[in-house]
Protein backbone atom coordinates (compact mmCIF):
# COMPACT_ATOMS: atom_id res chain seq x y z
CA MET A 1 55.20 32.85 107.09
CA GLN A 2 53.54 36.15 107.63
CA ASP A 3 53.81 37.89 111.00
CA ASN A 4 50.74 39.82 112.03
CA LEU A 5 51.56 42.40 114.67
CA ASN A 6 47.96 43.44 115.16
CA THR A 7 46.04 40.53 116.63
CA ASN A 8 43.13 42.58 117.97
CA GLY A 9 41.36 43.09 114.68
CA PRO A 10 41.61 45.51 111.78
CA ILE A 11 44.06 48.40 111.84
CA GLN A 12 42.54 51.65 113.04
CA ASP A 13 43.95 54.89 111.64
CA GLU A 14 41.98 57.15 113.93
CA VAL A 15 42.69 57.83 117.58
CA SER A 16 40.19 59.60 119.77
CA VAL A 17 40.96 62.07 122.51
CA LYS A 18 39.31 59.72 124.98
CA GLU A 19 41.83 56.98 124.12
CA ILE A 20 44.76 59.38 124.52
CA VAL A 21 43.50 60.54 127.92
CA ALA A 22 42.97 56.94 129.03
CA ARG A 23 46.51 55.95 127.99
CA MET A 24 48.02 58.98 129.73
CA ARG A 25 46.07 58.20 132.89
CA VAL A 26 47.44 54.64 132.91
CA LYS A 27 51.00 55.94 132.53
CA LEU A 28 50.52 58.55 135.26
CA VAL A 29 49.10 55.93 137.65
CA PHE A 30 52.15 53.77 136.93
CA LEU A 31 54.54 56.67 137.67
CA TRP A 32 52.57 57.65 140.78
CA GLY A 33 53.44 54.27 142.23
CA TYR A 34 57.12 55.23 142.08
CA LYS A 35 56.65 58.75 143.48
CA VAL A 36 58.92 58.23 146.49
CA SER A 37 61.85 56.81 144.56
CA LEU A 38 61.47 59.39 141.77
CA SER A 39 61.40 62.18 144.35
CA LEU A 40 64.50 60.86 146.08
CA ILE A 41 66.38 60.56 142.79
CA THR A 42 65.35 64.10 141.84
CA VAL A 43 66.47 65.57 145.17
CA LEU A 44 69.75 63.61 145.05
CA CYS A 45 70.58 64.80 141.53
CA ALA A 46 69.67 68.38 142.42
CA ALA A 47 71.94 68.24 145.48
CA ILE A 48 74.82 66.84 143.42
CA GLY A 49 74.35 69.56 140.80
CA PHE A 50 74.18 72.31 143.41
CA GLY A 51 77.26 70.97 145.18
CA TYR A 52 79.24 70.83 141.95
CA ALA A 53 78.18 74.32 140.89
CA HIS A 54 78.72 75.88 144.28
CA PHE A 55 81.84 74.18 145.64
CA GLU A 56 83.75 72.49 142.84
CA LYS A 57 83.34 74.66 139.76
CA SER A 58 85.38 77.85 139.96
CA ILE A 59 84.28 80.78 137.87
CA THR A 60 86.87 81.94 135.36
CA TYR A 61 86.32 85.00 133.24
CA THR A 62 88.59 85.70 130.29
CA SER A 63 88.49 88.58 127.89
CA HIS A 64 90.57 89.91 125.05
CA LEU A 65 90.82 93.56 124.12
CA THR A 66 92.02 94.80 120.77
CA PHE A 67 92.08 98.42 119.74
CA ALA A 68 93.73 100.57 117.14
CA VAL A 69 94.84 104.17 117.44
CA GLU A 70 93.49 106.23 114.59
CA GLU A 71 95.70 108.93 113.18
CA LYS A 72 94.26 112.10 111.77
CA SER A 73 95.31 112.44 108.18
CA GLY A 74 93.94 113.94 105.04
CA GLY A 75 91.92 111.85 102.68
CA SER A 76 88.56 110.26 102.53
CA ALA A 77 86.78 108.39 105.28
CA PHE A 78 87.60 105.07 103.64
CA SER A 79 91.36 105.61 103.45
CA GLY A 80 91.80 104.14 106.94
CA LEU A 81 90.25 100.86 105.83
CA ALA A 82 92.94 100.30 103.20
CA SER A 83 95.75 100.06 105.74
């Protein structure tokens, strides 16, 4: 048996801008129907993130310092690299 996924006719390789705009409009209308719940979820997640960053997460700074004292001695400029 052969399964045909495209039952609307021949396969079209080209897509017009008008089709893309129409598909995006359909998706935006769908999302617009859930605007209240999406807004509430966004505000809730933002509040949780702000609360975690402001109250729970303590800022810790660590640094490491390394230095070497250079002695004045005779020789070339590259003699200090050999030691």
